Structures are given as C-alpha cells and as structure tokens.
Amino acid sequence: MKAQLRQLFAPVLRPLEAGEGAFRYQALHRTILMVVSGLALVLAAVSAYFSLSAGLTAGLLATAVFLSLSGLCAVVGLLGTDRAVARLWGNH
C-alpha cells in the first residue's frame, strides 16, 4: 500500500528525494512535520468555519493554503524518505 501511495505522490516526493551527498536527519524532524500537519489542518478547519459563517468567500483562500501545507507535511512525513524530510527542513 505504501508503495502505491508513494507512486501516487511521486510528483511531490521526487524533487525532495533527488540529490546526493550528506544530509542531516533526525527522527524528531519527522514527528514535528506530523504535528505541523495536524496544526495546519486545524487552522484550515477554523478558517473554513469562520469564513463560511461570516459569508466571506475570500477567507477560503486561507483554508486552501492551510490545507495545502497540511497535505504536504503529511505526505512527506508519512511517505517521504529521510532525505525528503531533511530537504524540507533545509538540512541538505
């Protein structure tokens, strides 16, 4: 299943996993990515709720940004290699 999901999200993962050379990876970085993903998902839900309750469709832009951030962090945190996590952290 993980191999199929990695293939599905290959356009996101491939640029982050490309390259050679040393990189600094810590398991804590992956954990923090998952926490950031959850926080971004909560912010997206809160943003959507208040935007829709106020009738402001422009607020849905913030929802889309937070959902995108949450998705990226979740995909890299769950499916990415150690190099992808390090590159997202800037430790490459």
PDB file of N, CA and C in Angstrom:
ATOM      1  N   MET A   1       0.819  -1.192   0.000  1.00  0.00           N
ATOM      2  CA  MET A   1       0.000   0.000   0.000  1.00  0.00           C
ATOM      3  C   MET A   1       0.867   1.261   0.000  1.00  0.00           C
ATOM      4  N   LYS A   2       1.934   1.239   0.817  1.00  0.00           N
ATOM      5  CA  LYS A   2       2.806   2.402   0.889  1.00  0.00           C
ATOM      6  C   LYS A   2       3.474   2.658  -0.455  1.00  0.00           C
ATOM      7  N   ALA A   3       3.847   1.599  -1.161  1.00  0.00           N
ATOM      8  CA  ALA A   3       4.474   1.761  -2.474  1.00  0.00           C
ATOM      9  C   ALA A   3       3.507   2.396  -3.465  1.00  0.00           C
ATOM     10  N   GLN A   4       2.243   2.027  -3.400  1.00  0.00           N
ATOM     11  CA  GLN A   4       1.250   2.621  -4.289  1.00  0.00           C
ATOM     12  C   GLN A   4       1.028   4.093  -3.964  1.00  0.00           C
ATOM     13  N   LEU A   5       0.984   4.422  -2.684  1.00  0.00           N
ATOM     14  CA  LEU A   5       0.825   5.824  -2.301  1.00  0.00           C
ATOM     15  C   LEU A   5       2.050   6.645  -2.679  1.00  0.00           C
ATOM     16  N   ARG A   6       3.245   6.060  -2.524  1.00  0.00           N
ATOM     17  CA  ARG A   6       4.462   6.764  -2.941  1.00  0.00           C
ATOM     18  C   ARG A   6       4.440   7.037  -4.436  1.00  0.00           C
ATOM     19  N   GLN A   7       3.929   6.085  -5.212  1.00  0.00           N
ATOM     20  CA  GLN A   7       3.833   6.276  -6.661  1.00  0.00           C
ATOM     21  C   GLN A   7       2.814   7.362  -6.989  1.00  0.00           C
ATOM     22  N   LEU A   8       1.711   7.402  -6.251  1.00  0.00           N
ATOM     23  CA  LEU A   8       0.684   8.417  -6.472  1.00  0.00           C
ATOM     24  C   LEU A   8       1.217   9.823  -6.178  1.00  0.00           C
ATOM     25  N   PHE A   9       1.999   9.949  -5.105  1.00  0.00           N
ATOM     26  CA  PHE A   9       2.534  11.250  -4.701  1.00  0.00           C
ATOM     27  C   PHE A   9       3.960  11.475  -5.194  1.00  0.00           C
ATOM     28  N   ALA A  10       4.384  10.738  -6.185  1.00  0.00           N
ATOM     29  CA  ALA A  10       5.733  10.872  -6.736  1.00  0.00           C
ATOM     30  C   ALA A  10       6.043  12.289  -7.224  1.00  0.00           C
ATOM     31  N   PRO A  11       5.110  13.012  -7.846  1.00  0.00           N
ATOM     32  CA  PRO A  11       5.441  14.378  -8.267  1.00  0.00           C
ATOM     33  C   PRO A  11       5.822  15.300  -7.109  1.00  0.00           C
ATOM     34  N   VAL A  12       5.330  15.016  -5.924  1.00  0.00           N
ATOM     35  CA  VAL A  12       5.679  15.826  -4.751  1.00  0.00           C
ATOM     36  C   VAL A  12       6.969  15.312  -4.125  1.00  0.00           C
ATOM     37  N   LEU A  13       7.107  13.997  -4.042  1.00  0.00           N
ATOM     38  CA  LEU A  13       8.244  13.404  -3.341  1.00  0.00           C
ATOM     39  C   LEU A  13       9.529  13.414  -4.154  1.00  0.00           C
ATOM     40  N   ARG A  14       9.428  13.233  -5.461  1.00  0.00           N
ATOM     41  CA  ARG A  14      10.631  13.096  -6.297  1.00  0.00           C
ATOM     42  C   ARG A  14      11.584  14.286  -6.179  1.00  0.00           C
ATOM     43  N   PRO A  15      11.126  15.532  -6.267  1.00  0.00           N
ATOM     44  CA  PRO A  15      12.078  16.654  -6.139  1.00  0.00           C
ATOM     45  C   PRO A  15      12.732  16.727  -4.755  1.00  0.00           C
ATOM     46  N   LEU A  16      12.012  16.324  -3.725  1.00  0.00           N
ATOM     47  CA  LEU A  16      12.565  16.381  -2.380  1.00  0.00           C
ATOM     48  C   LEU A  16      13.556  15.259  -2.114  1.00  0.00           C
ATOM     49  N   GLU A  17      13.397  14.141  -2.815  1.00  0.00           N
ATOM     50  CA  GLU A  17      14.272  12.993  -2.597  1.00  0.00           C
ATOM     51  C   GLU A  17      15.456  12.968  -3.548  1.00  0.00           C
ATOM     52  N   ALA A  18      15.473  13.869  -4.522  1.00  0.00           N
ATOM     53  CA  ALA A  18      16.562  13.893  -5.500  1.00  0.00           C
ATOM     54  C   ALA A  18      17.823  14.459  -4.863  1.00  0.00           C
ATOM     55  N   GLY A  19      18.939  14.074  -5.432  1.00  0.00           N
ATOM     56  CA  GLY A  19      20.214  14.615  -4.974  1.00  0.00           C
ATOM     57  C   GLY A  19      21.065  13.573  -4.302  1.00  0.00           C
ATOM     58  N   GLU A  20      22.305  13.966  -4.130  1.00  0.00           N
ATOM     59  CA  GLU A  20      23.272  13.093  -3.484  1.00  0.00           C
ATOM     60  C   GLU A  20      24.019  13.890  -2.442  1.00  0.00           C
ATOM     61  N   GLY A  21      24.806  13.211  -1.696  1.00  0.00           N
ATOM     62  CA  GLY A  21      25.604  13.895  -0.694  1.00  0.00           C
ATOM     63  C   GLY A  21      25.025  13.733   0.691  1.00  0.00           C
ATOM     64  N   ALA A  22      25.696  14.362   1.613  1.00  0.00           N
ATOM     65  CA  ALA A  22      25.319  14.229   3.020  1.00  0.00           C
ATOM     66  C   ALA A  22      24.117  15.112   3.344  1.00  0.00           C
ATOM     67  N   PHE A  23      23.354  14.665   4.298  1.00  0.00           N
ATOM     68  CA  PHE A  23      22.245  15.446   4.811  1.00  0.00           C
ATOM     69  C   PHE A  23      22.082  15.098   6.284  1.00  0.00           C
ATOM     70  N   ARG A  24      21.511  16.030   7.021  1.00  0.00           N
ATOM     71  CA  ARG A  24      21.298  15.801   8.452  1.00  0.00           C
ATOM     72  C   ARG A  24      19.834  15.476   8.686  1.00  0.00           C
ATOM     73  N   TYR A  25      19.576  14.299   9.210  1.00  0.00           N
ATOM     74  CA  TYR A  25      18.220  13.853   9.500  1.00  0.00           C
ATOM     75  C   TYR A  25      18.130  13.453  10.961  1.00  0.00           C
ATOM     76  N   GLN A  26      17.042  13.851  11.590  1.00  0.00           N
ATOM     77  CA  GLN A  26      16.733  13.412  12.945  1.00  0.00           C
ATOM     78  C   GLN A  26      15.285  12.928  12.945  1.00  0.00           C
ATOM     79  N   ALA A  27      15.007  11.868  13.671  1.00  0.00           N
ATOM     80  CA  ALA A  27      13.651  11.320  13.725  1.00  0.00           C
ATOM     81  C   ALA A  27      12.657  12.358  14.265  1.00  0.00           C
ATOM     82  N   LEU A  28      13.143  13.249  15.104  1.00  0.00           N
ATOM     83  CA  LEU A  28      12.286  14.292  15.648  1.00  0.00           C
ATOM     84  C   LEU A  28      11.734  15.193  14.539  1.00  0.00           C
ATOM     85  N   HIS A  29      12.492  15.395  13.474  1.00  0.00           N
ATOM     86  CA  HIS A  29      12.030  16.232  12.365  1.00  0.00           C
ATOM     87  C   HIS A  29      10.762  15.662  11.743  1.00  0.00           C
ATOM     88  N   ARG A  30      10.707  14.343  11.584  1.00  0.00           N
ATOM     89  CA  ARG A  30       9.524  13.701  11.009  1.00  0.00           C
ATOM     90  C   ARG A  30       8.326  13.871  11.952  1.00  0.00           C
ATOM     91  N   THR A  31       8.574  13.737  13.240  1.00  0.00           N
ATOM     92  CA  THR A  31       7.499  13.905  14.220  1.00  0.00           C
ATOM     93  C   THR A  31       6.963  15.329  14.198  1.00  0.00           C
ATOM     94  N   ILE A  32       7.859  16.288  14.132  1.00  0.00           N
ATOM     95  CA  ILE A  32       7.436  17.685  14.094  1.00  0.00           C
ATOM     96  C   ILE A  32       6.658  17.974  12.814  1.00  0.00           C
ATOM     97  N   LEU A  33       7.050  17.367  11.698  1.00  0.00           N
ATOM     98  CA  LEU A  33       6.286  17.540  10.457  1.00  0.00           C
ATOM     99  C   LEU A  33       4.852  17.059  10.631  1.00  0.00           C
ATOM    100  N   MET A  34       4.675  15.947  11.309  1.00  0.00           N
ATOM    101  CA  MET A  34       3.329  15.430  11.518  1.00  0.00           C
ATOM    102  C   MET A  34       2.520  16.344  12.447  1.00  0.00           C
ATOM    103  N   VAL A  35       3.164  16.921  13.448  1.00  0.00           N
ATOM    104  CA  VAL A  35       2.481  17.860  14.342  1.00  0.00           C
ATOM    105  C   VAL A  35       2.086  19.124  13.568  1.00  0.00           C
ATOM    106  N   VAL A  36       2.987  19.624  12.741  1.00  0.00           N
ATOM    107  CA  VAL A  36       2.680  20.805  11.922  1.00  0.00           C
ATOM    108  C   VAL A  36       1.527  20.497  10.967  1.00  0.00           C
ATOM    109  N   SER A  37       1.503  19.295  10.430  1.00  0.00           N
ATOM    110  CA  SER A  37       0.408  18.894   9.556  1.00  0.00           C
ATOM    111  C   SER A  37      -0.931  18.946  10.286  1.00  0.00           C
ATOM    112  N   GLY A  38      -0.946  18.427  11.500  1.00  0.00           N
ATOM    113  CA  GLY A  38      -2.175  18.458  12.291  1.00  0.00           C
ATOM    114  C   GLY A  38      -2.607  19.868  12.646  1.00  0.00           C
ATOM    115  N   LEU A  39      -1.641  20.708  13.016  1.00  0.00           N
ATOM    116  CA  LEU A  39      -1.966  22.096  13.346  1.00  0.00           C
ATOM    117  C   LEU A  39      -2.494  22.860  12.137  1.00  0.00           C
ATOM    118  N   ALA A  40      -1.892  22.621  10.979  1.00  0.00           N
ATOM    119  CA  ALA A  40      -2.362  23.279   9.756  1.00  0.00           C
ATOM    120  C   ALA A  40      -3.765  22.810   9.398  1.00  0.00           C
ATOM    121  N   LEU A  41      -4.057  21.547   9.651  1.00  0.00           N
ATOM    122  CA  LEU A  41      -5.401  21.028   9.386  1.00  0.00           C
ATOM    123  C   LEU A  41      -6.426  21.683  10.305  1.00  0.00           C
ATOM    124  N   VAL A  42      -6.063  21.877  11.567  1.00  0.00           N
ATOM    125  CA  VAL A  42      -6.959  22.565  12.500  1.00  0.00           C
ATOM    126  C   VAL A  42      -7.169  24.012  12.058  1.00  0.00           C
ATOM    127  N   LEU A  43      -6.098  24.680  11.661  1.00  0.00           N
ATOM    128  CA  LEU A  43      -6.233  26.066  11.178  1.00  0.00           C
ATOM    129  C   LEU A  43      -7.097  26.141   9.936  1.00  0.00           C
ATOM    130  N   ALA A  44      -6.990  25.165   9.048  1.00  0.00           N
ATOM    131  CA  ALA A  44      -7.825  25.137   7.845  1.00  0.00           C
ATOM    132  C   ALA A  44      -9.291  24.979   8.218  1.00  0.00           C
ATOM    133  N   ALA A  45      -9.582  24.105   9.171  1.00  0.00           N
ATOM    134  CA  ALA A  45     -10.967  23.895   9.589  1.00  0.00           C
ATOM    135  C   ALA A  45     -11.541  25.150  10.248  1.00  0.00           C
ATOM    136  N   VAL A  46     -10.750  25.782  11.118  1.00  0.00           N
ATOM    137  CA  VAL A  46     -11.208  27.005  11.784  1.00  0.00           C
ATOM    138  C   VAL A  46     -11.410  28.122  10.765  1.00  0.00           C
ATOM    139  N   SER A  47     -10.485  28.240   9.835  1.00  0.00           N
ATOM    140  CA  SER A  47     -10.600  29.259   8.795  1.00  0.00           C
ATOM    141  C   SER A  47     -11.838  29.034   7.935  1.00  0.00           C
ATOM    142  N   ALA A  48     -12.086  27.801   7.567  1.00  0.00           N
ATOM    143  CA  ALA A  48     -13.269  27.495   6.757  1.00  0.00           C
ATOM    144  C   ALA A  48     -14.545  27.790   7.528  1.00  0.00           C
ATOM    145  N   TYR A  49     -14.575  27.414   8.783  1.00  0.00           N
ATOM    146  CA  TYR A  49     -15.763  27.644   9.597  1.00  0.00           C
ATOM    147  C   TYR A  49     -16.093  29.136   9.691  1.00  0.00           C
ATOM    148  N   PHE A  50     -15.091  29.927  10.071  1.00  0.00           N
ATOM    149  CA  PHE A  50     -15.353  31.356  10.234  1.00  0.00           C
ATOM    150  C   PHE A  50     -15.598  32.060   8.907  1.00  0.00           C
ATOM    151  N   SER A  51     -14.958  31.620   7.850  1.00  0.00           N
ATOM    152  CA  SER A  51     -15.187  32.225   6.539  1.00  0.00           C
ATOM    153  C   SER A  51     -16.610  31.968   6.071  1.00  0.00           C
ATOM    154  N   LEU A  52     -17.046  30.741   6.222  1.00  0.00           N
ATOM    155  CA  LEU A  52     -18.389  30.400   5.766  1.00  0.00           C
ATOM    156  C   LEU A  52     -19.469  30.981   6.677  1.00  0.00           C
ATOM    157  N   SER A  53     -19.220  31.019   7.975  1.00  0.00           N
ATOM    158  CA  SER A  53     -20.220  31.591   8.881  1.00  0.00           C
ATOM    159  C   SER A  53     -20.349  33.095   8.690  1.00  0.00           C
ATOM    160  N   ALA A  54     -19.268  33.747   8.289  1.00  0.00           N
ATOM    161  CA  ALA A  54     -19.321  35.186   8.035  1.00  0.00           C
ATOM    162  C   ALA A  54     -19.747  35.491   6.605  1.00  0.00           C
ATOM    163  N   GLY A  55     -19.799  34.473   5.772  1.00  0.00           N
ATOM    164  CA  GLY A  55     -20.207  34.685   4.384  1.00  0.00           C
ATOM    165  C   GLY A  55     -19.115  35.295   3.529  1.00  0.00           C
ATOM    166  N   LEU A  56     -17.876  35.158   3.934  1.00  0.00           N
ATOM    167  CA  LEU A  56     -16.756  35.721   3.190  1.00  0.00           C
ATOM    168  C   LEU A  56     -16.040  34.598   2.434  1.00  0.00           C
ATOM    169  N   THR A  57     -16.233  34.578   1.147  1.00  0.00           N
ATOM    170  CA  THR A  57     -15.595  33.517   0.367  1.00  0.00           C
ATOM    171  C   THR A  57     -14.102  33.763   0.187  1.00  0.00           C
ATOM    172  N   ALA A  58     -13.649  34.986   0.382  1.00  0.00           N
ATOM    173  CA  ALA A  58     -12.216  35.279   0.258  1.00  0.00           C
ATOM    174  C   ALA A  58     -11.417  34.583   1.353  1.00  0.00           C
ATOM    175  N   GLY A  59     -12.042  34.287   2.452  1.00  0.00           N
ATOM    176  CA  GLY A  59     -11.374  33.589   3.534  1.00  0.00           C
ATOM    177  C   GLY A  59     -11.059  32.145   3.190  1.00  0.00           C
ATOM    178  N   LEU A  60     -11.680  31.636   2.152  1.00  0.00           N
ATOM    179  CA  LEU A  60     -11.401  30.269   1.741  1.00  0.00           C
ATOM    180  C   LEU A  60     -10.014  30.140   1.125  1.00  0.00           C
ATOM    181  N   LEU A  61      -9.400  31.249   0.757  1.00  0.00           N
ATOM    182  CA  LEU A  61      -8.020  31.210   0.278  1.00  0.00           C
ATOM    183  C   LEU A  61      -7.091  30.758   1.403  1.00  0.00           C
ATOM    184  N   ALA A  62      -7.309  31.273   2.593  1.00  0.00           N
ATOM    185  CA  ALA A  62      -6.515  30.839   3.742  1.00  0.00           C
ATOM    186  C   ALA A  62      -6.752  29.357   4.021  1.00  0.00           C
ATOM    187  N   THR A  63      -7.974  28.908   3.855  1.00  0.00           N
ATOM    188  CA  THR A  63      -8.286  27.489   4.038  1.00  0.00           C
ATOM    189  C   THR A  63      -7.498  26.642   3.054  1.00  0.00           C
ATOM    190  N   ALA A  64      -7.456  27.073   1.807  1.00  0.00           N
ATOM    191  CA  ALA A  64      -6.727  26.318   0.782  1.00  0.00           C
ATOM    192  C   ALA A  64      -5.228  26.285   1.079  1.00  0.00           C
ATOM    193  N   VAL A  65      -4.687  27.392   1.544  1.00  0.00           N
ATOM    194  CA  VAL A  65      -3.253  27.439   1.873  1.00  0.00           C
ATOM    195  C   VAL A  65      -2.944  26.501   3.031  1.00  0.00           C
ATOM    196  N   PHE A  66      -3.757  26.543   4.084  1.00  0.00           N
ATOM    197  CA  PHE A  66      -3.513  25.676   5.230  1.00  0.00           C
ATOM    198  C   PHE A  66      -3.717  24.206   4.889  1.00  0.00           C
ATOM    199  N   LEU A  67      -4.706  23.910   4.035  1.00  0.00           N
ATOM    200  CA  LEU A  67      -4.902  22.526   3.606  1.00  0.00           C
ATOM    201  C   LEU A  67      -3.725  22.034   2.779  1.00  0.00           C
ATOM    202  N   SER A  68      -3.201  22.883   1.915  1.00  0.00           N
ATOM    203  CA  SER A  68      -2.044  22.510   1.116  1.00  0.00           C
ATOM    204  C   SER A  68      -0.830  22.244   1.996  1.00  0.00           C
ATOM    205  N   LEU A  69      -0.587  23.101   2.961  1.00  0.00           N
ATOM    206  CA  LEU A  69       0.524  22.918   3.893  1.00  0.00           C
ATOM    207  C   LEU A  69       0.357  21.624   4.682  1.00  0.00           C
ATOM    208  N   SER A  70      -0.851  21.380   5.146  1.00  0.00           N
ATOM    209  CA  SER A  70      -1.123  20.166   5.900  1.00  0.00           C
ATOM    210  C   SER A  70      -0.883  18.930   5.046  1.00  0.00           C
ATOM    211  N   GLY A  71      -1.342  18.964   3.811  1.00  0.00           N
ATOM    212  CA  GLY A  71      -1.148  17.828   2.917  1.00  0.00           C
ATOM    213  C   GLY A  71       0.315  17.571   2.616  1.00  0.00           C
ATOM    214  N   LEU A  72       1.063  18.619   2.330  1.00  0.00           N
ATOM    215  CA  LEU A  72       2.482  18.466   2.032  1.00  0.00           C
ATOM    216  C   LEU A  72       3.227  17.874   3.216  1.00  0.00           C
ATOM    217  N   CYS A  73       2.993  18.414   4.396  1.00  0.00           N
ATOM    218  CA  CYS A  73       3.676  17.905   5.587  1.00  0.00           C
ATOM    219  C   CYS A  73       3.286  16.458   5.873  1.00  0.00           C
ATOM    220  N   ALA A  74       2.027  16.116   5.684  1.00  0.00           N
ATOM    221  CA  ALA A  74       1.584  14.746   5.942  1.00  0.00           C
ATOM    222  C   ALA A  74       2.192  13.772   4.941  1.00  0.00           C
ATOM    223  N   VAL A  75       2.213  14.141   3.659  1.00  0.00           N
ATOM    224  CA  VAL A  75       2.768  13.251   2.641  1.00  0.00           C
ATOM    225  C   VAL A  75       4.253  13.022   2.875  1.00  0.00           C
ATOM    226  N   VAL A  76       4.999  14.088   3.120  1.00  0.00           N
ATOM    227  CA  VAL A  76       6.438  13.932   3.344  1.00  0.00           C
ATOM    228  C   VAL A  76       6.691  13.217   4.668  1.00  0.00           C
ATOM    229  N   GLY A  77       5.923  13.531   5.694  1.00  0.00           N
ATOM    230  CA  GLY A  77       6.121  12.900   6.988  1.00  0.00           C
ATOM    231  C   GLY A  77       5.798  11.415   6.988  1.00  0.00           C
ATOM    232  N   LEU A  78       4.774  11.021   6.256  1.00  0.00           N
ATOM    233  CA  LEU A  78       4.360   9.618   6.250  1.00  0.00           C
ATOM    234  C   LEU A  78       5.038   8.787   5.170  1.00  0.00           C
ATOM    235  N   LEU A  79       5.247   9.375   3.995  1.00  0.00           N
ATOM    236  CA  LEU A  79       5.718   8.597   2.853  1.00  0.00           C
ATOM    237  C   LEU A  79       7.129   8.930   2.412  1.00  0.00           C
ATOM    238  N   GLY A  80       7.645  10.074   2.801  1.00  0.00           N
ATOM    239  CA  GLY A  80       8.940  10.522   2.314  1.00  0.00           C
ATOM    240  C   GLY A  80      10.109   9.803   2.958  1.00  0.00           C
ATOM    241  N   THR A  81      11.217   9.806   2.242  1.00  0.00           N
ATOM    242  CA  THR A  81      12.447   9.229   2.776  1.00  0.00           C
ATOM    243  C   THR A  81      13.070  10.219   3.755  1.00  0.00           C
ATOM    244  N   ASP A  82      14.135   9.757   4.408  1.00  0.00           N
ATOM    245  CA  ASP A  82      14.844  10.632   5.342  1.00  0.00           C
ATOM    246  C   ASP A  82      15.403  11.857   4.619  1.00  0.00           C
ATOM    247  N   ARG A  83      15.850  11.679   3.373  1.00  0.00           N
ATOM    248  CA  ARG A  83      16.381  12.794   2.585  1.00  0.00           C
ATOM    249  C   ARG A  83      15.290  13.833   2.313  1.00  0.00           C
ATOM    250  N   ALA A  84      14.077  13.375   2.015  1.00  0.00           N
ATOM    251  CA  ALA A  84      12.975  14.302   1.742  1.00  0.00           C
ATOM    252  C   ALA A  84      12.643  15.121   2.983  1.00  0.00           C
ATOM    253  N   VAL A  85      12.634  14.471   4.128  1.00  0.00           N
ATOM    254  CA  VAL A  85      12.358  15.189   5.381  1.00  0.00           C
ATOM    255  C   VAL A  85      13.461  16.208   5.653  1.00  0.00           C
ATOM    256  N   ALA A  86      14.717  15.797   5.454  1.00  0.00           N
ATOM    257  CA  ALA A  86      15.833  16.709   5.684  1.00  0.00           C
ATOM    258  C   ALA A  86      15.795  17.881   4.715  1.00  0.00           C
ATOM    259  N   ARG A  87      15.438  17.636   3.468  1.00  0.00           N
ATOM    260  CA  ARG A  87      15.372  18.719   2.484  1.00  0.00           C
ATOM    261  C   ARG A  87      14.253  19.691   2.828  1.00  0.00           C
ATOM    262  N   LEU A  88      13.140  19.188   3.295  1.00  0.00           N
ATOM    263  CA  LEU A  88      12.045  20.071   3.681  1.00  0.00           C
ATOM    264  C   LEU A  88      12.438  20.937   4.873  1.00  0.00           C
ATOM    265  N   TRP A  89      13.275  20.395   5.741  1.00  0.00           N
ATOM    266  CA  TRP A  89      13.798  21.135   6.880  1.00  0.00           C
ATOM    267  C   TRP A  89      14.932  22.067   6.474  1.00  0.00           C
ATOM    268  N   GLY A  90      15.498  21.864   5.300  1.00  0.00           N
ATOM    269  CA  GLY A  90      16.615  22.691   4.864  1.00  0.00           C
ATOM    270  C   GLY A  90      17.954  22.167   5.320  1.00  0.00           C
ATOM    271  N   ASN A  91      18.017  20.907   5.722  1.00  0.00           N
ATOM    272  CA  ASN A  91      19.256  20.303   6.199  1.00  0.00           C
ATOM    273  C   ASN A  91      19.855  19.389   5.130  1.00  0.00           C
ATOM    274  N   HIS A  92      20.013  19.892   3.958  1.00  0.00           N
ATOM    275  CA  HIS A  92      20.573  19.054   2.867  1.00  0.00           C
ATOM    276  C   HIS A  92      21.896  19.571   2.425  1.00  0.00           C
TER     277      HIS A  92
END
